[in-house]
Amino acid sequence: MSRAVNVQETPEKIEALCVKHAFRLSTVEPLISGGSRVVLLDPRDAEAFRVLMKTKLIDGTVTRSSSHIARQLPPSTRWR
């Protein structure tokens, strides 16, 4: 089960929802294609978040910002 969820909502509203329901949030990333990419720390929180946001889930491919993608280390340099 993935901890990442793509939703059609603003980061501010997502953060407020996570505080209200005590979801442990890792990051909220605005998407170029619209909406936000949310990564929660616990897969169970992610599943509960999906249930709450079921009408705002984004299906299919999204366009992420290169500044967020660039923060990830290439596979060959990750900790082993």
PDB file of N, CA and C in Angstrom:
ATOM      1  N   MET A   1       0.842  -1.169   0.000  1.00  0.00           N
ATOM      2  CA  MET A   1       0.000   0.000   0.000  1.00  0.00           C
ATOM      3  C   MET A   1       0.892   1.238   0.000  1.00  0.00           C
ATOM      4  N   SER A   2       0.629   2.157  -0.891  1.00  0.00           N
ATOM      5  CA  SER A   2       1.446   3.356  -1.034  1.00  0.00           C
ATOM      6  C   SER A   2       1.105   4.408   0.020  1.00  0.00           C
ATOM      7  N   ARG A   3       2.115   5.126   0.458  1.00  0.00           N
ATOM      8  CA  ARG A   3       1.910   6.226   1.396  1.00  0.00           C
ATOM      9  C   ARG A   3       1.649   7.534   0.660  1.00  0.00           C
ATOM     10  N   ALA A   4       1.831   7.548  -0.664  1.00  0.00           N
ATOM     11  CA  ALA A   4       1.641   8.756  -1.476  1.00  0.00           C
ATOM     12  C   ALA A   4       0.228   8.788  -2.059  1.00  0.00           C
ATOM     13  N   VAL A   5      -0.380   9.990  -2.023  1.00  0.00           N
ATOM     14  CA  VAL A   5      -1.738  10.178  -2.530  1.00  0.00           C
ATOM     15  C   VAL A   5      -1.759  11.471  -3.328  1.00  0.00           C
ATOM     16  N   ASN A   6      -2.362  11.456  -4.518  1.00  0.00           N
ATOM     17  CA  ASN A   6      -2.537  12.665  -5.315  1.00  0.00           C
ATOM     18  C   ASN A   6      -3.984  13.112  -5.194  1.00  0.00           C
ATOM     19  N   VAL A   7      -4.194  14.366  -4.758  1.00  0.00           N
ATOM     20  CA  VAL A   7      -5.546  14.881  -4.551  1.00  0.00           C
ATOM     21  C   VAL A   7      -5.699  16.265  -5.150  1.00  0.00           C
ATOM     22  N   GLN A   8      -6.922  16.596  -5.525  1.00  0.00           N
ATOM     23  CA  GLN A   8      -7.257  17.911  -6.055  1.00  0.00           C
ATOM     24  C   GLN A   8      -7.665  18.804  -4.880  1.00  0.00           C
ATOM     25  N   GLU A   9      -6.655  19.315  -4.172  1.00  0.00           N
ATOM     26  CA  GLU A   9      -6.893  20.150  -2.985  1.00  0.00           C
ATOM     27  C   GLU A   9      -5.649  20.989  -2.720  1.00  0.00           C
ATOM     28  N   THR A  10      -5.804  22.088  -2.000  1.00  0.00           N
ATOM     29  CA  THR A  10      -4.675  22.962  -1.686  1.00  0.00           C
ATOM     30  C   THR A  10      -3.858  22.385  -0.532  1.00  0.00           C
ATOM     31  N   PRO A  11      -2.562  22.681  -0.493  1.00  0.00           N
ATOM     32  CA  PRO A  11      -1.734  22.194   0.614  1.00  0.00           C
ATOM     33  C   PRO A  11      -2.239  22.652   1.988  1.00  0.00           C
ATOM     34  N   GLU A  12      -2.756  23.862   2.082  1.00  0.00           N
ATOM     35  CA  GLU A  12      -3.250  24.372   3.355  1.00  0.00           C
ATOM     36  C   GLU A  12      -4.422  23.540   3.889  1.00  0.00           C
ATOM     37  N   LYS A  13      -5.359  23.196   3.022  1.00  0.00           N
ATOM     38  CA  LYS A  13      -6.505  22.390   3.437  1.00  0.00           C
ATOM     39  C   LYS A  13      -6.080  20.968   3.789  1.00  0.00           C
ATOM     40  N   ILE A  14      -5.109  20.453   3.063  1.00  0.00           N
ATOM     41  CA  ILE A  14      -4.602  19.108   3.350  1.00  0.00           C
ATOM     42  C   ILE A  14      -3.942  19.079   4.725  1.00  0.00           C
ATOM     43  N   GLU A  15      -3.104  20.069   5.003  1.00  0.00           N
ATOM     44  CA  GLU A  15      -2.430  20.127   6.302  1.00  0.00           C
ATOM     45  C   GLU A  15      -3.434  20.271   7.441  1.00  0.00           C
ATOM     46  N   ALA A  16      -4.476  21.069   7.234  1.00  0.00           N
ATOM     47  CA  ALA A  16      -5.513  21.227   8.258  1.00  0.00           C
ATOM     48  C   ALA A  16      -6.247  19.911   8.503  1.00  0.00           C
ATOM     49  N   LEU A  17      -6.547  19.172   7.442  1.00  0.00           N
ATOM     50  CA  LEU A  17      -7.219  17.880   7.570  1.00  0.00           C
ATOM     51  C   LEU A  17      -6.337  16.886   8.329  1.00  0.00           C
ATOM     52  N   CYS A  18      -5.046  16.898   8.029  1.00  0.00           N
ATOM     53  CA  CYS A  18      -4.116  15.980   8.706  1.00  0.00           C
ATOM     54  C   CYS A  18      -4.005  16.311  10.199  1.00  0.00           C
ATOM     55  N   VAL A  19      -4.002  17.579  10.535  1.00  0.00           N
ATOM     56  CA  VAL A  19      -3.961  17.973  11.950  1.00  0.00           C
ATOM     57  C   VAL A  19      -5.252  17.541  12.641  1.00  0.00           C
ATOM     58  N   LYS A  20      -6.382  17.786  11.998  1.00  0.00           N
ATOM     59  CA  LYS A  20      -7.691  17.445  12.575  1.00  0.00           C
ATOM     60  C   LYS A  20      -7.811  15.952  12.875  1.00  0.00           C
ATOM     61  N   HIS A  21      -7.286  15.113  11.980  1.00  0.00           N
ATOM     62  CA  HIS A  21      -7.414  13.656  12.131  1.00  0.00           C
ATOM     63  C   HIS A  21      -6.152  12.991  12.676  1.00  0.00           C
ATOM     64  N   ALA A  22      -5.171  13.798  13.077  1.00  0.00           N
ATOM     65  CA  ALA A  22      -3.909  13.304  13.662  1.00  0.00           C
ATOM     66  C   ALA A  22      -3.148  12.375  12.711  1.00  0.00           C
ATOM     67  N   PHE A  23      -3.210  12.686  11.402  1.00  0.00           N
ATOM     68  CA  PHE A  23      -2.424  11.944  10.429  1.00  0.00           C
ATOM     69  C   PHE A  23      -1.000  12.487  10.466  1.00  0.00           C
ATOM     70  N   ARG A  24      -0.027  11.589  10.444  1.00  0.00           N
ATOM     71  CA  ARG A  24       1.383  12.002  10.447  1.00  0.00           C
ATOM     72  C   ARG A  24       1.825  12.235   9.009  1.00  0.00           C
ATOM     73  N   LEU A  25       2.095  13.482   8.705  1.00  0.00           N
ATOM     74  CA  LEU A  25       2.380  13.934   7.349  1.00  0.00           C
ATOM     75  C   LEU A  25       3.886  14.019   7.112  1.00  0.00           C
ATOM     76  N   SER A  26       4.338  13.490   5.998  1.00  0.00           N
ATOM     77  CA  SER A  26       5.743  13.601   5.626  1.00  0.00           C
ATOM     78  C   SER A  26       5.955  14.855   4.782  1.00  0.00           C
ATOM     79  N   THR A  27       5.190  14.979   3.696  1.00  0.00           N
ATOM     80  CA  THR A  27       5.318  16.147   2.827  1.00  0.00           C
ATOM     81  C   THR A  27       4.041  16.372   2.033  1.00  0.00           C
ATOM     82  N   VAL A  28       3.838  17.646   1.661  1.00  0.00           N
ATOM     83  CA  VAL A  28       2.768  18.024   0.739  1.00  0.00           C
ATOM     84  C   VAL A  28       3.444  18.804  -0.380  1.00  0.00           C
ATOM     85  N   GLU A  29       3.268  18.338  -1.596  1.00  0.00           N
ATOM     86  CA  GLU A  29       3.932  18.929  -2.758  1.00  0.00           C
ATOM     87  C   GLU A  29       2.883  19.419  -3.753  1.00  0.00           C
ATOM     88  N   PRO A  30       2.851  20.733  -4.048  1.00  0.00           N
ATOM     89  CA  PRO A  30       1.930  21.202  -5.096  1.00  0.00           C
ATOM     90  C   PRO A  30       2.329  20.611  -6.445  1.00  0.00           C
ATOM     91  N   LEU A  31       1.350  20.216  -7.224  1.00  0.00           N
ATOM     92  CA  LEU A  31       1.606  19.611  -8.532  1.00  0.00           C
ATOM     93  C   LEU A  31       1.428  20.642  -9.641  1.00  0.00           C
ATOM     94  N   ILE A  32       2.282  20.580 -10.653  1.00  0.00           N
ATOM     95  CA  ILE A  32       2.170  21.480 -11.799  1.00  0.00           C
ATOM     96  C   ILE A  32       0.854  21.240 -12.538  1.00  0.00           C
ATOM     97  N   SER A  33       0.436  19.998 -12.591  1.00  0.00           N
ATOM     98  CA  SER A  33      -0.791  19.647 -13.305  1.00  0.00           C
ATOM     99  C   SER A  33      -2.048  19.967 -12.500  1.00  0.00           C
ATOM    100  N   GLY A  34      -1.880  20.513 -11.297  1.00  0.00           N
ATOM    101  CA  GLY A  34      -3.020  20.869 -10.451  1.00  0.00           C
ATOM    102  C   GLY A  34      -3.187  19.884  -9.315  1.00  0.00           C
ATOM    103  N   GLY A  35      -3.547  20.387  -8.157  1.00  0.00           N
ATOM    104  CA  GLY A  35      -3.712  19.548  -6.986  1.00  0.00           C
ATOM    105  C   GLY A  35      -2.421  19.417  -6.205  1.00  0.00           C
ATOM    106  N   SER A  36      -2.345  18.385  -5.366  1.00  0.00           N
ATOM    107  CA  SER A  36      -1.192  18.186  -4.498  1.00  0.00           C
ATOM    108  C   SER A  36      -0.855  16.710  -4.383  1.00  0.00           C
ATOM    109  N   ARG A  37       0.425  16.458  -4.152  1.00  0.00           N
ATOM    110  CA  ARG A  37       0.900  15.099  -3.858  1.00  0.00           C
ATOM    111  C   ARG A  37       1.184  15.065  -2.363  1.00  0.00           C
ATOM    112  N   VAL A  38       0.531  14.166  -1.666  1.00  0.00           N
ATOM    113  CA  VAL A  38       0.647  14.050  -0.213  1.00  0.00           C
ATOM    114  C   VAL A  38       1.356  12.737   0.102  1.00  0.00           C
ATOM    115  N   VAL A  39       2.353  12.800   0.993  1.00  0.00           N
ATOM    116  CA  VAL A  39       3.018  11.587   1.455  1.00  0.00           C
ATOM    117  C   VAL A  39       2.868  11.541   2.965  1.00  0.00           C
ATOM    118  N   LEU A  40       2.228  10.488   3.448  1.00  0.00           N
ATOM    119  CA  LEU A  40       2.032  10.307   4.878  1.00  0.00           C
ATOM    120  C   LEU A  40       3.057   9.310   5.413  1.00  0.00           C
ATOM    121  N   LEU A  41       3.326   9.367   6.702  1.00  0.00           N
ATOM    122  CA  LEU A  41       4.338   8.501   7.301  1.00  0.00           C
ATOM    123  C   LEU A  41       3.855   7.071   7.515  1.00  0.00           C
ATOM    124  N   ASP A  42       2.557   6.899   7.660  1.00  0.00           N
ATOM    125  CA  ASP A  42       2.002   5.581   7.958  1.00  0.00           C
ATOM    126  C   ASP A  42       1.033   5.164   6.847  1.00  0.00           C
ATOM    127  N   PRO A  43       1.185   3.976   6.287  1.00  0.00           N
ATOM    128  CA  PRO A  43       0.261   3.525   5.243  1.00  0.00           C
ATOM    129  C   PRO A  43      -1.199   3.483   5.700  1.00  0.00           C
ATOM    130  N   ARG A  44      -1.431   3.216   6.986  1.00  0.00           N
ATOM    131  CA  ARG A  44      -2.815   3.211   7.491  1.00  0.00           C
ATOM    132  C   ARG A  44      -3.400   4.616   7.469  1.00  0.00           C
ATOM    133  N   ASP A  45      -2.572   5.617   7.799  1.00  0.00           N
ATOM    134  CA  ASP A  45      -3.026   7.008   7.690  1.00  0.00           C
ATOM    135  C   ASP A  45      -3.342   7.356   6.241  1.00  0.00           C
ATOM    136  N   ALA A  46      -2.500   6.874   5.309  1.00  0.00           N
ATOM    137  CA  ALA A  46      -2.722   7.140   3.887  1.00  0.00           C
ATOM    138  C   ALA A  46      -4.045   6.542   3.419  1.00  0.00           C
ATOM    139  N   GLU A  47      -4.350   5.342   3.873  1.00  0.00           N
ATOM    140  CA  GLU A  47      -5.615   4.698   3.488  1.00  0.00           C
ATOM    141  C   GLU A  47      -6.808   5.468   4.062  1.00  0.00           C
ATOM    142  N   ALA A  48      -6.725   5.881   5.312  1.00  0.00           N
ATOM    143  CA  ALA A  48      -7.798   6.676   5.923  1.00  0.00           C
ATOM    144  C   ALA A  48      -7.939   8.024   5.212  1.00  0.00           C
ATOM    145  N   PHE A  49      -6.814   8.621   4.821  1.00  0.00           N
ATOM    146  CA  PHE A  49      -6.825   9.880   4.074  1.00  0.00           C
ATOM    147  C   PHE A  49      -7.535   9.694   2.738  1.00  0.00           C
ATOM    148  N   ARG A  50      -7.259   8.575   2.047  1.00  0.00           N
ATOM    149  CA  ARG A  50      -7.928   8.279   0.773  1.00  0.00           C
ATOM    150  C   ARG A  50      -9.444   8.179   0.950  1.00  0.00           C
ATOM    151  N   VAL A  51      -9.865   7.561   2.034  1.00  0.00           N
ATOM    152  CA  VAL A  51     -11.305   7.415   2.294  1.00  0.00           C
ATOM    153  C   VAL A  51     -11.935   8.789   2.495  1.00  0.00           C
ATOM    154  N   LEU A  52     -11.287   9.651   3.272  1.00  0.00           N
ATOM    155  CA  LEU A  52     -11.821  10.994   3.528  1.00  0.00           C
ATOM    156  C   LEU A  52     -11.841  11.858   2.266  1.00  0.00           C
ATOM    157  N   MET A  53     -10.863  11.668   1.387  1.00  0.00           N
ATOM    158  CA  MET A  53     -10.723  12.508   0.198  1.00  0.00           C
ATOM    159  C   MET A  53     -11.185  11.796  -1.081  1.00  0.00           C
ATOM    160  N   LYS A  54     -12.017  10.775  -0.951  1.00  0.00           N
ATOM    161  CA  LYS A  54     -12.359   9.929  -2.097  1.00  0.00           C
ATOM    162  C   LYS A  54     -12.932  10.692  -3.286  1.00  0.00           C
ATOM    163  N   THR A  55     -13.613  11.804  -3.061  1.00  0.00           N
ATOM    164  CA  THR A  55     -14.179  12.569  -4.180  1.00  0.00           C
ATOM    165  C   THR A  55     -13.143  13.481  -4.831  1.00  0.00           C
ATOM    166  N   LYS A  56     -11.976  13.638  -4.210  1.00  0.00           N
ATOM    167  CA  LYS A  56     -10.953  14.545  -4.735  1.00  0.00           C
ATOM    168  C   LYS A  56      -9.678  13.836  -5.179  1.00  0.00           C
ATOM    169  N   LEU A  57      -9.692  12.502  -5.206  1.00  0.00           N
ATOM    170  CA  LEU A  57      -8.506  11.753  -5.638  1.00  0.00           C
ATOM    171  C   LEU A  57      -8.250  11.978  -7.125  1.00  0.00           C
ATOM    172  N   ILE A  58      -6.975  12.070  -7.495  1.00  0.00           N
ATOM    173  CA  ILE A  58      -6.575  12.227  -8.888  1.00  0.00           C
ATOM    174  C   ILE A  58      -6.144  10.863  -9.411  1.00  0.00           C
ATOM    175  N   ASP A  59      -6.811  10.386 -10.453  1.00  0.00           N
ATOM    176  CA  ASP A  59      -6.442   9.126 -11.098  1.00  0.00           C
ATOM    177  C   ASP A  59      -5.522   9.424 -12.270  1.00  0.00           C
ATOM    178  N   GLY A  60      -4.606   8.538 -12.532  1.00  0.00           N
ATOM    179  CA  GLY A  60      -3.738   8.698 -13.690  1.00  0.00           C
ATOM    180  C   GLY A  60      -2.457   9.443 -13.374  1.00  0.00           C
ATOM    181  N   THR A  61      -1.807   9.892 -14.432  1.00  0.00           N
ATOM    182  CA  THR A  61      -0.500  10.527 -14.343  1.00  0.00           C
ATOM    183  C   THR A  61      -0.630  11.991 -13.948  1.00  0.00           C
ATOM    184  N   VAL A  62       0.302  12.448 -13.102  1.00  0.00           N
ATOM    185  CA  VAL A  62       0.365  13.858 -12.712  1.00  0.00           C
ATOM    186  C   VAL A  62       1.746  14.401 -13.076  1.00  0.00           C
ATOM    187  N   THR A  63       1.856  15.716 -13.183  1.00  0.00           N
ATOM    188  CA  THR A  63       3.126  16.353 -13.483  1.00  0.00           C
ATOM    189  C   THR A  63       3.683  16.971 -12.224  1.00  0.00           C
ATOM    190  N   ARG A  64       4.846  16.462 -11.782  1.00  0.00           N
ATOM    191  CA  ARG A  64       5.478  16.961 -10.572  1.00  0.00           C
ATOM    192  C   ARG A  64       6.473  18.060 -10.917  1.00  0.00           C
ATOM    193  N   SER A  65       6.736  18.924  -9.938  1.00  0.00           N
ATOM    194  CA  SER A  65       7.711  19.987 -10.096  1.00  0.00           C
ATOM    195  C   SER A  65       9.121  19.401 -10.119  1.00  0.00           C
ATOM    196  N   SER A  66       9.960  19.906 -11.013  1.00  0.00           N
ATOM    197  CA  SER A  66      11.326  19.401 -11.091  1.00  0.00           C
ATOM    198  C   SER A  66      12.120  19.718  -9.827  1.00  0.00           C
ATOM    199  N   SER A  67      11.741  20.772  -9.094  1.00  0.00           N
ATOM    200  CA  SER A  67      12.462  21.098  -7.860  1.00  0.00           C
ATOM    201  C   SER A  67      12.233  20.040  -6.791  1.00  0.00           C
ATOM    202  N   HIS A  68      11.073  19.414  -6.761  1.00  0.00           N
ATOM    203  CA  HIS A  68      10.821  18.346  -5.798  1.00  0.00           C
ATOM    204  C   HIS A  68      11.467  17.042  -6.241  1.00  0.00           C
ATOM    205  N   ILE A  69      11.440  16.774  -7.518  1.00  0.00           N
ATOM    206  CA  ILE A  69      12.050  15.553  -8.040  1.00  0.00           C
ATOM    207  C   ILE A  69      13.566  15.636  -7.892  1.00  0.00           C
ATOM    208  N   ALA A  70      14.145  16.816  -8.072  1.00  0.00           N
ATOM    209  CA  ALA A  70      15.592  16.989  -8.009  1.00  0.00           C
ATOM    210  C   ALA A  70      16.151  16.730  -6.615  1.00  0.00           C
ATOM    211  N   ARG A  71      15.323  16.801  -5.582  1.00  0.00           N
ATOM    212  CA  ARG A  71      15.787  16.576  -4.220  1.00  0.00           C
ATOM    213  C   ARG A  71      16.066  15.110  -3.939  1.00  0.00           C
ATOM    214  N   GLN A  72      15.648  14.224  -4.806  1.00  0.00           N
ATOM    215  CA  GLN A  72      15.856  12.795  -4.595  1.00  0.00           C
ATOM    216  C   GLN A  72      17.239  12.392  -5.111  1.00  0.00           C
ATOM    217  N   LEU A  73      17.930  11.573  -4.341  1.00  0.00           N
ATOM    218  CA  LEU A  73      19.237  11.092  -4.754  1.00  0.00           C
ATOM    219  C   LEU A  73      19.101  10.045  -5.852  1.00  0.00           C
ATOM    220  N   PRO A  74      20.045  10.016  -6.783  1.00  0.00           N
ATOM    221  CA  PRO A  74      20.025   8.956  -7.794  1.00  0.00           C
ATOM    222  C   PRO A  74      20.185   7.596  -7.116  1.00  0.00           C
ATOM    223  N   PRO A  75      19.638   6.533  -7.695  1.00  0.00           N
ATOM    224  CA  PRO A  75      19.693   5.205  -7.067  1.00  0.00           C
ATOM    225  C   PRO A  75      21.098   4.752  -6.697  1.00  0.00           C
ATOM    226  N   SER A  76      22.109   5.126  -7.463  1.00  0.00           N
ATOM    227  CA  SER A  76      23.466   4.651  -7.196  1.00  0.00           C
ATOM    228  C   SER A  76      24.105   5.311  -5.978  1.00  0.00           C
ATOM    229  N   THR A  77      23.552   6.437  -5.488  1.00  0.00           N
ATOM    230  CA  THR A  77      24.163   7.144  -4.357  1.00  0.00           C
ATOM    231  C   THR A  77      23.358   7.027  -3.069  1.00  0.00           C
ATOM    232  N   ARG A  78      22.275   6.299  -3.087  1.00  0.00           N
ATOM    233  CA  ARG A  78      21.471   6.130  -1.871  1.00  0.00           C
ATOM    234  C   ARG A  78      22.203   5.258  -0.871  1.00  0.00           C
ATOM    235  N   TRP A  79      21.847   5.440   0.387  1.00  0.00           N
ATOM    236  CA  TRP A  79      22.447   4.626   1.454  1.00  0.00           C
ATOM    237  C   TRP A  79      22.130   3.157   1.229  1.00  0.00           C
ATOM    238  N   ARG A  80      23.064   2.343   1.555  1.00  0.00           N
ATOM    239  CA  ARG A  80      22.876   0.902   1.338  1.00  0.00           C
ATOM    240  C   ARG A  80      22.700   0.202   2.642  1.00  0.00           C
TER     241      ARG A  80
END
